Amino acid sequence: MKDDPETELRQALRPVAPSEGFEERLLARMTAERSSPPKPSRLQWRRSPATWWLSASLAASVLAAVGIQHHLHTQREREVGLEARRQVIKALRVTDEKLELAYRIVKDQSSSVSDEKPGV
């Protein structure tokens, strides 16, 4: 029958004596690491102030470019809208002039017809 998990865990994690020369290898490696300058790890590189400023300035540049592009697009749309408004106003004025002219012509014709027919 199987032992309970706790007993199995204790057997798997029982203390083991280190191999021959372990202590000397460990001390030599620690001494070598102290004497050589530490290499910057990726994590340290990412956290350096220069990298942070570079990232922040890049992000600010992208945001500024997007903001400028949005402003220019909005300005172009506004200009197109104003031009369309000018054209509509001009068309309404021309229409008003033509209708006024047509009204005068009809009025003049009707008054000249009534002058020819005294009873009308």
PDB file of N, CA and C in Angstrom:
ATOM      1  N   MET A   1       0.839  -1.177   0.000  1.00  0.00           N
ATOM      2  CA  MET A   1       0.000   0.000   0.000  1.00  0.00           C
ATOM      3  C   MET A   1       0.887   1.244   0.000  1.00  0.00           C
ATOM      4  N   LYS A   2       0.408   2.291  -0.584  1.00  0.00           N
ATOM      5  CA  LYS A   2       1.182   3.533  -0.700  1.00  0.00           C
ATOM      6  C   LYS A   2       1.240   4.254   0.631  1.00  0.00           C
ATOM      7  N   ASP A   3       2.399   4.909   0.855  1.00  0.00           N
ATOM      8  CA  ASP A   3       2.527   5.753   2.046  1.00  0.00           C
ATOM      9  C   ASP A   3       1.759   7.035   1.834  1.00  0.00           C
ATOM     10  N   ASP A   4       1.515   7.715   2.890  1.00  0.00           N
ATOM     11  CA  ASP A   4       0.807   8.988   2.760  1.00  0.00           C
ATOM     12  C   ASP A   4       1.729  10.027   2.128  1.00  0.00           C
ATOM     13  N   PRO A   5       1.193  11.079   1.524  1.00  0.00           N
ATOM     14  CA  PRO A   5       1.997  12.084   0.809  1.00  0.00           C
ATOM     15  C   PRO A   5       3.034  12.763   1.692  1.00  0.00           C
ATOM     16  N   GLU A   6       2.746  12.928   2.961  1.00  0.00           N
ATOM     17  CA  GLU A   6       3.694  13.609   3.838  1.00  0.00           C
ATOM     18  C   GLU A   6       4.971  12.788   4.005  1.00  0.00           C
ATOM     19  N   THR A   7       4.834  11.487   4.135  1.00  0.00           N
ATOM     20  CA  THR A   7       6.000  10.619   4.270  1.00  0.00           C
ATOM     21  C   THR A   7       6.813  10.606   2.988  1.00  0.00           C
ATOM     22  N   GLU A   8       6.134  10.561   1.857  1.00  0.00           N
ATOM     23  CA  GLU A   8       6.831  10.598   0.570  1.00  0.00           C
ATOM     24  C   GLU A   8       7.597  11.902   0.392  1.00  0.00           C
ATOM     25  N   LEU A   9       6.991  12.977   0.801  1.00  0.00           N
ATOM     26  CA  LEU A   9       7.637  14.281   0.694  1.00  0.00           C
ATOM     27  C   LEU A   9       8.874  14.344   1.584  1.00  0.00           C
ATOM     28  N   ARG A  10       8.786  13.827   2.792  1.00  0.00           N
ATOM     29  CA  ARG A  10       9.933  13.840   3.706  1.00  0.00           C
ATOM     30  C   ARG A  10      11.083  13.002   3.144  1.00  0.00           C
ATOM     31  N   GLN A  11      10.766  11.897   2.516  1.00  0.00           N
ATOM     32  CA  GLN A  11      11.813  11.067   1.942  1.00  0.00           C
ATOM     33  C   GLN A  11      12.466  11.757   0.746  1.00  0.00           C
ATOM     34  N   ALA A  12      11.665  12.445  -0.057  1.00  0.00           N
ATOM     35  CA  ALA A  12      12.209  13.131  -1.230  1.00  0.00           C
ATOM     36  C   ALA A  12      13.067  14.319  -0.839  1.00  0.00           C
ATOM     37  N   LEU A  13      12.751  14.947   0.273  1.00  0.00           N
ATOM     38  CA  LEU A  13      13.471  16.149   0.694  1.00  0.00           C
ATOM     39  C   LEU A  13      14.444  15.879   1.833  1.00  0.00           C
ATOM     40  N   ARG A  14      14.859  14.652   2.030  1.00  0.00           N
ATOM     41  CA  ARG A  14      15.790  14.321   3.112  1.00  0.00           C
ATOM     42  C   ARG A  14      17.145  14.982   2.832  1.00  0.00           C
ATOM     43  N   PRO A  15      17.879  15.320   3.854  1.00  0.00           N
ATOM     44  CA  PRO A  15      19.190  15.945   3.668  1.00  0.00           C
ATOM     45  C   PRO A  15      20.149  15.001   2.946  1.00  0.00           C
ATOM     46  N   VAL A  16      20.960  15.576   2.074  1.00  0.00           N
ATOM     47  CA  VAL A  16      21.933  14.804   1.301  1.00  0.00           C
ATOM     48  C   VAL A  16      23.293  15.455   1.512  1.00  0.00           C
ATOM     49  N   ALA A  17      24.313  14.661   1.711  1.00  0.00           N
ATOM     50  CA  ALA A  17      25.663  15.190   1.903  1.00  0.00           C
ATOM     51  C   ALA A  17      26.197  15.701   0.569  1.00  0.00           C
ATOM     52  N   PRO A  18      26.887  16.863   0.570  1.00  0.00           N
ATOM     53  CA  PRO A  18      27.429  17.387  -0.685  1.00  0.00           C
ATOM     54  C   PRO A  18      28.551  16.506  -1.221  1.00  0.00           C
ATOM     55  N   SER A  19      28.794  16.604  -2.508  1.00  0.00           N
ATOM     56  CA  SER A  19      29.845  15.798  -3.136  1.00  0.00           C
ATOM     57  C   SER A  19      31.224  16.321  -2.735  1.00  0.00           C
ATOM     58  N   GLU A  20      32.249  15.518  -3.031  1.00  0.00           N
ATOM     59  CA  GLU A  20      33.625  15.899  -2.716  1.00  0.00           C
ATOM     60  C   GLU A  20      34.009  17.177  -3.466  1.00  0.00           C
ATOM     61  N   GLY A  21      34.622  18.124  -2.806  1.00  0.00           N
ATOM     62  CA  GLY A  21      35.107  19.334  -3.431  1.00  0.00           C
ATOM     63  C   GLY A  21      34.033  20.412  -3.637  1.00  0.00           C
ATOM     64  N   PHE A  22      32.825  20.145  -3.142  1.00  0.00           N
ATOM     65  CA  PHE A  22      31.740  21.115  -3.309  1.00  0.00           C
ATOM     66  C   PHE A  22      32.091  22.453  -2.669  1.00  0.00           C
ATOM     67  N   GLU A  23      32.617  22.389  -1.451  1.00  0.00           N
ATOM     68  CA  GLU A  23      32.938  23.609  -0.721  1.00  0.00           C
ATOM     69  C   GLU A  23      34.002  24.426  -1.458  1.00  0.00           C
ATOM     70  N   GLU A  24      35.052  23.765  -1.967  1.00  0.00           N
ATOM     71  CA  GLU A  24      36.117  24.473  -2.678  1.00  0.00           C
ATOM     72  C   GLU A  24      35.589  25.109  -3.968  1.00  0.00           C
ATOM     73  N   ARG A  25      34.782  24.366  -4.708  1.00  0.00           N
ATOM     74  CA  ARG A  25      34.204  24.917  -5.956  1.00  0.00           C
ATOM     75  C   ARG A  25      33.312  26.126  -5.664  1.00  0.00           C
ATOM     76  N   LEU A  26      32.536  26.033  -4.615  1.00  0.00           N
ATOM     77  CA  LEU A  26      31.643  27.137  -4.239  1.00  0.00           C
ATOM     78  C   LEU A  26      32.442  28.374  -3.855  1.00  0.00           C
ATOM     79  N   LEU A  27      33.468  28.206  -3.042  1.00  0.00           N
ATOM     80  CA  LEU A  27      34.292  29.346  -2.625  1.00  0.00           C
ATOM     81  C   LEU A  27      35.037  29.955  -3.817  1.00  0.00           C
ATOM     82  N   ALA A  28      35.539  29.103  -4.727  1.00  0.00           N
ATOM     83  CA  ALA A  28      36.241  29.616  -5.910  1.00  0.00           C
ATOM     84  C   ALA A  28      35.290  30.416  -6.794  1.00  0.00           C
ATOM     85  N   ARG A  29      34.105  29.915  -6.954  1.00  0.00           N
ATOM     86  CA  ARG A  29      33.124  30.630  -7.797  1.00  0.00           C
ATOM     87  C   ARG A  29      32.727  31.956  -7.162  1.00  0.00           C
ATOM     88  N   MET A  30      32.551  31.963  -5.854  1.00  0.00           N
ATOM     89  CA  MET A  30      32.182  33.211  -5.180  1.00  0.00           C
ATOM     90  C   MET A  30      33.313  34.228  -5.270  1.00  0.00           C
ATOM     91  N   THR A  31      34.546  33.786  -5.145  1.00  0.00           N
ATOM     92  CA  THR A  31      35.695  34.682  -5.246  1.00  0.00           C
ATOM     93  C   THR A  31      35.809  35.239  -6.661  1.00  0.00           C
ATOM     94  N   ALA A  32      35.595  34.395  -7.657  1.00  0.00           N
ATOM     95  CA  ALA A  32      35.663  34.848  -9.058  1.00  0.00           C
ATOM     96  C   ALA A  32      34.568  35.864  -9.358  1.00  0.00           C
ATOM     97  N   GLU A  33      33.397  35.652  -8.820  1.00  0.00           N
ATOM     98  CA  GLU A  33      32.289  36.588  -9.067  1.00  0.00           C
ATOM     99  C   GLU A  33      32.535  37.926  -8.405  1.00  0.00           C
ATOM    100  N   ARG A  34      33.190  37.934  -7.239  1.00  0.00           N
ATOM    101  CA  ARG A  34      33.486  39.199  -6.564  1.00  0.00           C
ATOM    102  C   ARG A  34      34.542  39.998  -7.314  1.00  0.00           C
ATOM    103  N   SER A  35      35.527  39.311  -7.876  1.00  0.00           N
ATOM    104  CA  SER A  35      36.619  40.019  -8.543  1.00  0.00           C
ATOM    105  C   SER A  35      36.212  40.558  -9.911  1.00  0.00           C
ATOM    106  N   SER A  36      35.307  39.913 -10.613  1.00  0.00           N
ATOM    107  CA  SER A  36      34.890  40.409 -11.932  1.00  0.00           C
ATOM    108  C   SER A  36      33.765  41.415 -11.758  1.00  0.00           C
ATOM    109  N   PRO A  37      33.755  42.472 -12.608  1.00  0.00           N
ATOM    110  CA  PRO A  37      32.673  43.452 -12.496  1.00  0.00           C
ATOM    111  C   PRO A  37      31.348  42.796 -12.884  1.00  0.00           C
ATOM    112  N   PRO A  38      30.305  43.161 -12.202  1.00  0.00           N
ATOM    113  CA  PRO A  38      29.013  42.539 -12.506  1.00  0.00           C
ATOM    114  C   PRO A  38      28.505  42.988 -13.880  1.00  0.00           C
ATOM    115  N   LYS A  39      27.972  42.051 -14.618  1.00  0.00           N
ATOM    116  CA  LYS A  39      27.385  42.366 -15.921  1.00  0.00           C
ATOM    117  C   LYS A  39      25.959  42.857 -15.691  1.00  0.00           C
ATOM    118  N   PRO A  40      25.584  43.912 -16.376  1.00  0.00           N
ATOM    119  CA  PRO A  40      24.208  44.375 -16.168  1.00  0.00           C
ATOM    120  C   PRO A  40      23.232  43.356 -16.750  1.00  0.00           C
ATOM    121  N   SER A  41      22.304  42.987 -15.941  1.00  0.00           N
ATOM    122  CA  SER A  41      21.285  42.054 -16.425  1.00  0.00           C
ATOM    123  C   SER A  41      20.241  42.833 -17.212  1.00  0.00           C
ATOM    124  N   ARG A  42      19.392  42.124 -17.890  1.00  0.00           N
ATOM    125  CA  ARG A  42      18.333  42.796 -18.666  1.00  0.00           C
ATOM    126  C   ARG A  42      17.444  43.629 -17.759  1.00  0.00           C
ATOM    127  N   LEU A  43      17.163  43.085 -16.600  1.00  0.00           N
ATOM    128  CA  LEU A  43      16.290  43.781 -15.676  1.00  0.00           C
ATOM    129  C   LEU A  43      16.930  45.086 -15.205  1.00  0.00           C
ATOM    130  N   GLN A  44      18.226  45.064 -14.902  1.00  0.00           N
ATOM    131  CA  GLN A  44      18.911  46.283 -14.494  1.00  0.00           C
ATOM    132  C   GLN A  44      18.942  47.279 -15.641  1.00  0.00           C
ATOM    133  N   TRP A  45      19.137  46.815 -16.864  1.00  0.00           N
ATOM    134  CA  TRP A  45      19.176  47.717 -18.010  1.00  0.00           C
ATOM    135  C   TRP A  45      17.836  48.411 -18.183  1.00  0.00           C
ATOM    136  N   ARG A  46      16.773  47.669 -17.989  1.00  0.00           N
ATOM    137  CA  ARG A  46      15.443  48.258 -18.149  1.00  0.00           C
ATOM    138  C   ARG A  46      15.155  49.298 -17.082  1.00  0.00           C
ATOM    139  N   ARG A  47      15.734  49.123 -15.929  1.00  0.00           N
ATOM    140  CA  ARG A  47      15.436  50.030 -14.827  1.00  0.00           C
ATOM    141  C   ARG A  47      16.383  51.221 -14.754  1.00  0.00           C
ATOM    142  N   SER A  48      17.341  51.315 -15.629  1.00  0.00           N
ATOM    143  CA  SER A  48      18.278  52.433 -15.536  1.00  0.00           C
ATOM    144  C   SER A  48      17.555  53.739 -15.872  1.00  0.00           C
ATOM    145  N   PRO A  49      17.965  54.837 -15.269  1.00  0.00           N
ATOM    146  CA  PRO A  49      17.304  56.122 -15.510  1.00  0.00           C
ATOM    147  C   PRO A  49      17.346  56.544 -16.982  1.00  0.00           C
ATOM    148  N   ALA A  50      18.452  56.276 -17.652  1.00  0.00           N
ATOM    149  CA  ALA A  50      18.546  56.670 -19.060  1.00  0.00           C
ATOM    150  C   ALA A  50      17.500  55.933 -19.894  1.00  0.00           C
ATOM    151  N   THR A  51      17.311  54.673 -19.591  1.00  0.00           N
ATOM    152  CA  THR A  51      16.316  53.894 -20.324  1.00  0.00           C
ATOM    153  C   THR A  51      14.917  54.398 -20.029  1.00  0.00           C
ATOM    154  N   TRP A  52      14.672  54.730 -18.774  1.00  0.00           N
ATOM    155  CA  TRP A  52      13.353  55.254 -18.423  1.00  0.00           C
ATOM    156  C   TRP A  52      13.070  56.558 -19.164  1.00  0.00           C
ATOM    157  N   TRP A  53      14.052  57.452 -19.191  1.00  0.00           N
ATOM    158  CA  TRP A  53      13.856  58.723 -19.890  1.00  0.00           C
ATOM    159  C   TRP A  53      13.689  58.512 -21.389  1.00  0.00           C
ATOM    160  N   LEU A  54      14.427  57.577 -21.940  1.00  0.00           N
ATOM    161  CA  LEU A  54      14.291  57.280 -23.357  1.00  0.00           C
ATOM    162  C   LEU A  54      12.893  56.763 -23.664  1.00  0.00           C
ATOM    163  N   SER A  55      12.411  55.855 -22.840  1.00  0.00           N
ATOM    164  CA  SER A  55      11.062  55.317 -23.032  1.00  0.00           C
ATOM    165  C   SER A  55      10.009  56.413 -22.873  1.00  0.00           C
ATOM    166  N   ALA A  56      10.175  57.233 -21.852  1.00  0.00           N
ATOM    167  CA  ALA A  56       9.206  58.305 -21.610  1.00  0.00           C
ATOM    168  C   ALA A  56       9.204  59.315 -22.754  1.00  0.00           C
ATOM    169  N   SER A  57      10.387  59.672 -23.258  1.00  0.00           N
ATOM    170  CA  SER A  57      10.431  60.647 -24.354  1.00  0.00           C
ATOM    171  C   SER A  57       9.870  60.047 -25.640  1.00  0.00           C
ATOM    172  N   LEU A  58      10.105  58.765 -25.863  1.00  0.00           N
ATOM    173  CA  LEU A  58       9.530  58.107 -27.037  1.00  0.00           C
ATOM    174  C   LEU A  58       8.010  58.077 -26.948  1.00  0.00           C
ATOM    175  N   ALA A  59       7.494  57.745 -25.778  1.00  0.00           N
ATOM    176  CA  ALA A  59       6.041  57.727 -25.591  1.00  0.00           C
ATOM    177  C   ALA A  59       5.457  59.128 -25.771  1.00  0.00           C
ATOM    178  N   ALA A  60       6.142  60.142 -25.242  1.00  0.00           N
ATOM    179  CA  ALA A  60       5.659  61.525 -25.394  1.00  0.00           C
ATOM    180  C   ALA A  60       5.676  61.943 -26.860  1.00  0.00           C
ATOM    181  N   SER A  61       6.691  61.524 -27.599  1.00  0.00           N
ATOM    182  CA  SER A  61       6.760  61.857 -29.025  1.00  0.00           C
ATOM    183  C   SER A  61       5.616  61.216 -29.796  1.00  0.00           C
ATOM    184  N   VAL A  62       5.325  59.967 -29.471  1.00  0.00           N
ATOM    185  CA  VAL A  62       4.219  59.284 -30.148  1.00  0.00           C
ATOM    186  C   VAL A  62       2.898  59.975 -29.825  1.00  0.00           C
ATOM    187  N   LEU A  63       2.695  60.318 -28.563  1.00  0.00           N
ATOM    188  CA  LEU A  63       1.460  61.013 -28.179  1.00  0.00           C
ATOM    189  C   LEU A  63       1.354  62.374 -28.865  1.00  0.00           C
ATOM    190  N   ALA A  64       2.457  63.091 -28.949  1.00  0.00           N
ATOM    191  CA  ALA A  64       2.442  64.396 -29.621  1.00  0.00           C
ATOM    192  C   ALA A  64       2.112  64.226 -31.107  1.00  0.00           C
ATOM    193  N   ALA A  65       2.689  63.219 -31.746  1.00  0.00           N
ATOM    194  CA  ALA A  65       2.412  62.991 -33.165  1.00  0.00           C
ATOM    195  C   ALA A  65       0.939  62.649 -33.390  1.00  0.00           C
ATOM    196  N   VAL A  66       0.390  61.815 -32.524  1.00  0.00           N
ATOM    197  CA  VAL A  66      -1.030  61.453 -32.644  1.00  0.00           C
ATOM    198  C   VAL A  66      -1.904  62.681 -32.412  1.00  0.00           C
ATOM    199  N   GLY A  67      -1.547  63.493 -31.424  1.00  0.00           N
ATOM    200  CA  GLY A  67      -2.321  64.704 -31.148  1.00  0.00           C
ATOM    201  C   GLY A  67      -2.277  65.696 -32.298  1.00  0.00           C
ATOM    202  N   ILE A  68      -1.108  65.883 -32.879  1.00  0.00           N
ATOM    203  CA  ILE A  68      -0.971  66.803 -34.015  1.00  0.00           C
ATOM    204  C   ILE A  68      -1.761  66.289 -35.207  1.00  0.00           C
ATOM    205  N   GLN A  69      -1.678  64.981 -35.462  1.00  0.00           N
ATOM    206  CA  GLN A  69      -2.423  64.389 -36.583  1.00  0.00           C
ATOM    207  C   GLN A  69      -3.924  64.574 -36.379  1.00  0.00           C
ATOM    208  N   HIS A  70      -4.394  64.366 -35.158  1.00  0.00           N
ATOM    209  CA  HIS A  70      -5.823  64.557 -34.877  1.00  0.00           C
ATOM    210  C   HIS A  70      -6.228  66.015 -35.077  1.00  0.00           C
ATOM    211  N   HIS A  71      -5.384  66.937 -34.608  1.00  0.00           N
ATOM    212  CA  HIS A  71      -5.687  68.360 -34.769  1.00  0.00           C
ATOM    213  C   HIS A  71      -5.753  68.742 -36.250  1.00  0.00           C
ATOM    214  N   LEU A  72      -4.789  68.275 -37.042  1.00  0.00           N
ATOM    215  CA  LEU A  72      -4.791  68.599 -38.471  1.00  0.00           C
ATOM    216  C   LEU A  72      -6.004  68.011 -39.177  1.00  0.00           C
ATOM    217  N   HIS A  73      -6.371  66.791 -38.805  1.00  0.00           N
ATOM    218  CA  HIS A  73      -7.550  66.156 -39.414  1.00  0.00           C
ATOM    219  C   HIS A  73      -8.812  66.943 -39.070  1.00  0.00           C
ATOM    220  N   THR A  74      -8.934  67.351 -37.819  1.00  0.00           N
ATOM    221  CA  THR A  74     -10.096  68.137 -37.393  1.00  0.00           C
ATOM    222  C   THR A  74     -10.132  69.479 -38.119  1.00  0.00           C
ATOM    223  N   GLN A  75      -8.980  70.102 -38.278  1.00  0.00           N
ATOM    224  CA  GLN A  75      -8.908  71.391 -38.963  1.00  0.00           C
ATOM    225  C   GLN A  75      -9.321  71.244 -40.430  1.00  0.00           C
ATOM    226  N   ARG A  76      -8.843  70.161 -41.098  1.00  0.00           N
ATOM    227  CA  ARG A  76      -9.245  69.934 -42.495  1.00  0.00           C
ATOM    228  C   ARG A  76     -10.746  69.724 -42.618  1.00  0.00           C
ATOM    229  N   GLU A  77     -11.310  68.945 -41.699  1.00  0.00           N
ATOM    230  CA  GLU A  77     -12.760  68.715 -41.726  1.00  0.00           C
ATOM    231  C   GLU A  77     -13.520  70.030 -41.540  1.00  0.00           C
ATOM    232  N   ARG A  78     -13.030  70.869 -40.653  1.00  0.00           N
ATOM    233  CA  ARG A  78     -13.689  72.151 -40.411  1.00  0.00           C
ATOM    234  C   ARG A  78     -13.628  73.031 -41.662  1.00  0.00           C
ATOM    235  N   GLU A  79     -12.455  73.059 -42.324  1.00  0.00           N
ATOM    236  CA  GLU A  79     -12.318  73.856 -43.541  1.00  0.00           C
ATOM    237  C   GLU A  79     -13.252  73.356 -44.641  1.00  0.00           C
ATOM    238  N   VAL A  80     -13.368  72.042 -44.784  1.00  0.00           N
ATOM    239  CA  VAL A  80     -14.269  71.475 -45.793  1.00  0.00           C
ATOM    240  C   VAL A  80     -15.706  71.855 -45.455  1.00  0.00           C
ATOM    241  N   GLY A  81     -16.066  71.792 -44.192  1.00  0.00           N
ATOM    242  CA  GLY A  81     -17.416  72.171 -43.767  1.00  0.00           C
ATOM    243  C   GLY A  81     -17.707  73.640 -44.022  1.00  0.00           C
ATOM    244  N   LEU A  82     -16.737  74.510 -43.748  1.00  0.00           N
ATOM    245  CA  LEU A  82     -16.933  75.948 -43.990  1.00  0.00           C
ATOM    246  C   LEU A  82     -17.065  76.238 -45.483  1.00  0.00           C
ATOM    247  N   GLU A  83     -16.275  75.545 -46.301  1.00  0.00           N
ATOM    248  CA  GLU A  83     -16.385  75.737 -47.747  1.00  0.00           C
ATOM    249  C   GLU A  83     -17.759  75.288 -48.247  1.00  0.00           C
ATOM    250  N   ALA A  84     -18.239  74.171 -47.733  1.00  0.00           N
ATOM    251  CA  ALA A  84     -19.583  73.693 -48.115  1.00  0.00           C
ATOM    252  C   ALA A  84     -20.641  74.707 -47.678  1.00  0.00           C
ATOM    253  N   ARG A  85     -20.464  75.291 -46.502  1.00  0.00           N
ATOM    254  CA  ARG A  85     -21.413  76.303 -46.017  1.00  0.00           C
ATOM    255  C   ARG A  85     -21.416  77.520 -46.945  1.00  0.00           C
ATOM    256  N   ARG A  86     -20.200  77.968 -47.355  1.00  0.00           N
ATOM    257  CA  ARG A  86     -20.119  79.111 -48.270  1.00  0.00           C
ATOM    258  C   ARG A  86     -20.843  78.808 -49.592  1.00  0.00           C
ATOM    259  N   GLN A  87     -20.649  77.602 -50.096  1.00  0.00           N
ATOM    260  CA  GLN A  87     -21.294  77.241 -51.362  1.00  0.00           C
ATOM    261  C   GLN A  87     -22.808  77.193 -51.229  1.00  0.00           C
ATOM    262  N   VAL A  88     -23.295  76.682 -50.103  1.00  0.00           N
ATOM    263  CA  VAL A  88     -24.753  76.632 -49.888  1.00  0.00           C
ATOM    264  C   VAL A  88     -25.311  78.045 -49.796  1.00  0.00           C
ATOM    265  N   ILE A  89     -24.631  78.942 -49.084  1.00  0.00           N
ATOM    266  CA  ILE A  89     -25.106  80.329 -48.956  1.00  0.00           C
ATOM    267  C   ILE A  89     -25.100  81.010 -50.322  1.00  0.00           C
ATOM    268  N   LYS A  90     -24.053  80.781 -51.110  1.00  0.00           N
ATOM    269  CA  LYS A  90     -23.988  81.364 -52.454  1.00  0.00           C
ATOM    270  C   LYS A  90     -25.130  80.823 -53.324  1.00  0.00           C
ATOM    271  N   ALA A  91     -25.386  79.520 -53.230  1.00  0.00           N
ATOM    272  CA  ALA A  91     -26.474  78.931 -54.014  1.00  0.00           C
ATOM    273  C   ALA A  91     -27.825  79.500 -53.587  1.00  0.00           C
ATOM    274  N   LEU A  92     -28.016  79.729 -52.303  1.00  0.00           N
ATOM    275  CA  LEU A  92     -29.267  80.315 -51.829  1.00  0.00           C
ATOM    276  C   LEU A  92     -29.426  81.757 -52.316  1.00  0.00           C
ATOM    277  N   ARG A  93     -28.341  82.511 -52.355  1.00  0.00           N
ATOM    278  CA  ARG A  93     -28.425  83.891 -52.860  1.00  0.00           C
ATOM    279  C   ARG A  93     -28.772  83.915 -54.349  1.00  0.00           C
ATOM    280  N   VAL A  94     -28.111  83.025 -55.118  1.00  0.00           N
ATOM    281  CA  VAL A  94     -28.409  82.963 -56.555  1.00  0.00           C
ATOM    282  C   VAL A  94     -29.871  82.560 -56.757  1.00  0.00           C
ATOM    283  N   THR A  95     -30.329  81.579 -55.984  1.00  0.00           N
ATOM    284  CA  THR A  95     -31.728  81.145 -56.090  1.00  0.00           C
ATOM    285  C   THR A  95     -32.670  82.285 -55.729  1.00  0.00           C
ATOM    286  N   ASP A  96     -32.323  83.021 -54.681  1.00  0.00           N
ATOM    287  CA  ASP A  96     -33.151  84.158 -54.275  1.00  0.00           C
ATOM    288  C   ASP A  96     -33.227  85.200 -55.387  1.00  0.00           C
ATOM    289  N   GLU A  97     -32.068  85.501 -56.013  1.00  0.00           N
ATOM    290  CA  GLU A  97     -32.054  86.469 -57.112  1.00  0.00           C
ATOM    291  C   GLU A  97     -32.921  85.998 -58.275  1.00  0.00           C
ATOM    292  N   LYS A  98     -32.808  84.714 -58.639  1.00  0.00           N
ATOM    293  CA  LYS A  98     -33.588  84.174 -59.759  1.00  0.00           C
ATOM    294  C   LYS A  98     -35.072  84.177 -59.444  1.00  0.00           C
ATOM    295  N   LEU A  99     -35.419  83.816 -58.212  1.00  0.00           N
ATOM    296  CA  LEU A  99     -36.838  83.845 -57.839  1.00  0.00           C
ATOM    297  C   LEU A  99     -37.385  85.271 -57.826  1.00  0.00           C
ATOM    298  N   GLU A 100     -36.569  86.200 -57.343  1.00  0.00           N
ATOM    299  CA  GLU A 100     -36.988  87.607 -57.344  1.00  0.00           C
ATOM    300  C   GLU A 100     -37.209  88.100 -58.771  1.00  0.00           C
ATOM    301  N   LEU A 101     -36.287  87.730 -59.678  1.00  0.00           N
ATOM    302  CA  LEU A 101     -36.415  88.099 -61.085  1.00  0.00           C
ATOM    303  C   LEU A 101     -37.673  87.477 -61.692  1.00  0.00           C
ATOM    304  N   ALA A 102     -37.903  86.203 -61.405  1.00  0.00           N
ATOM    305  CA  ALA A 102     -39.105  85.538 -61.928  1.00  0.00           C
ATOM    306  C   ALA A 102     -40.367  86.196 -61.369  1.00  0.00           C
ATOM    307  N   TYR A 103     -40.347  86.565 -60.103  1.00  0.00           N
ATOM    308  CA  TYR A 103     -41.494  87.228 -59.490  1.00  0.00           C
ATOM    309  C   TYR A 103     -41.785  88.564 -60.179  1.00  0.00           C
ATOM    310  N   ARG A 104     -40.734  89.350 -60.444  1.00  0.00           N
ATOM    311  CA  ARG A 104     -40.932  90.634 -61.127  1.00  0.00           C
ATOM    312  C   ARG A 104     -41.510  90.450 -62.527  1.00  0.00           C
ATOM    313  N   ILE A 105     -40.953  89.451 -63.225  1.00  0.00           N
ATOM    314  CA  ILE A 105     -41.444  89.207 -64.589  1.00  0.00           C
ATOM    315  C   ILE A 105     -42.912  88.831 -64.551  1.00  0.00           C
ATOM    316  N   VAL A 106     -43.294  87.945 -63.664  1.00  0.00           N
ATOM    317  CA  VAL A 106     -44.696  87.527 -63.558  1.00  0.00           C
ATOM    318  C   VAL A 106     -45.554  88.709 -63.138  1.00  0.00           C
ATOM    319  N   LYS A 107     -45.075  89.516 -62.217  1.00  0.00           N
ATOM    320  CA  LYS A 107     -45.834  90.666 -61.745  1.00  0.00           C
ATOM    321  C   LYS A 107     -46.004  91.691 -62.865  1.00  0.00           C
ATOM    322  N   ASP A 108     -44.916  91.945 -63.632  1.00  0.00           N
ATOM    323  CA  ASP A 108     -44.993  92.895 -64.733  1.00  0.00           C
ATOM    324  C   ASP A 108     -45.954  92.393 -65.805  1.00  0.00           C
ATOM    325  N   GLN A 109     -45.922  91.116 -66.123  1.00  0.00           N
ATOM    326  CA  GLN A 109     -46.819  90.554 -67.135  1.00  0.00           C
ATOM    327  C   GLN A 109     -48.266  90.616 -66.674  1.00  0.00           C
ATOM    328  N   SER A 110     -48.498  90.336 -65.412  1.00  0.00           N
ATOM    329  CA  SER A 110     -49.877  90.366 -64.920  1.00  0.00           C
ATOM    330  C   SER A 110     -50.394  91.797 -64.851  1.00  0.00           C
ATOM    331  N   SER A 111     -49.522  92.761 -64.543  1.00  0.00           N
ATOM    332  CA  SER A 111     -49.987  94.152 -64.498  1.00  0.00           C
ATOM    333  C   SER A 111     -50.206  94.687 -65.920  1.00  0.00           C
ATOM    334  N   SER A 112     -49.408  94.240 -66.885  1.00  0.00           N
ATOM    335  CA  SER A 112     -49.623  94.695 -68.251  1.00  0.00           C
ATOM    336  C   SER A 112     -50.877  94.063 -68.842  1.00  0.00           C
ATOM    337  N   VAL A 113     -51.223  92.859 -68.489  1.00  0.00           N
ATOM    338  CA  VAL A 113     -52.449  92.203 -68.950  1.00  0.00           C
ATOM    339  C   VAL A 113     -53.640  92.900 -68.323  1.00  0.00           C
ATOM    340  N   SER A 114     -53.570  93.284 -67.086  1.00  0.00           N
ATOM    341  CA  SER A 114     -54.702  93.947 -66.441  1.00  0.00           C
ATOM    342  C   SER A 114     -54.868  95.363 -66.983  1.00  0.00           C
ATOM    343  N   ASP A 115     -53.806  95.994 -67.473  1.00  0.00           N
ATOM    344  CA  ASP A 115     -53.917  97.324 -68.069  1.00  0.00           C
ATOM    345  C   ASP A 115     -54.632  97.221 -69.420  1.00  0.00           C
ATOM    346  N   GLU A 116     -54.452  96.125 -70.156  1.00  0.00           N
ATOM    347  CA  GLU A 116     -55.105  95.943 -71.444  1.00  0.00           C
ATOM    348  C   GLU A 116     -56.590  95.635 -71.262  1.00  0.00           C
ATOM    349  N   LYS A 117     -56.958  94.969 -70.202  1.00  0.00           N
ATOM    350  CA  LYS A 117     -58.351  94.639 -69.934  1.00  0.00           C
ATOM    351  C   LYS A 117     -58.825  95.491 -68.772  1.00  0.00           C
ATOM    352  N   PRO A 118     -59.548  96.551 -69.058  1.00  0.00           N
ATOM    353  CA  PRO A 118     -59.938  97.454 -67.995  1.00  0.00           C
ATOM    354  C   PRO A 118     -60.871  96.830 -66.966  1.00  0.00           C
ATOM    355  N   GLY A 119     -61.619  95.864 -67.287  1.00  0.00           N
ATOM    356  CA  GLY A 119     -62.580  95.297 -66.329  1.00  0.00           C
ATOM    357  C   GLY A 119     -61.975  94.215 -65.468  1.00  0.00           C
ATOM    358  N   VAL A 120     -60.806  93.910 -65.695  1.00  0.00           N
ATOM    359  CA  VAL A 120     -60.261  92.784 -64.949  1.00  0.00           C
ATOM    360  C   VAL A 120     -59.549  93.233 -63.727  1.00  0.00           C
TER     361      VAL A 120
END
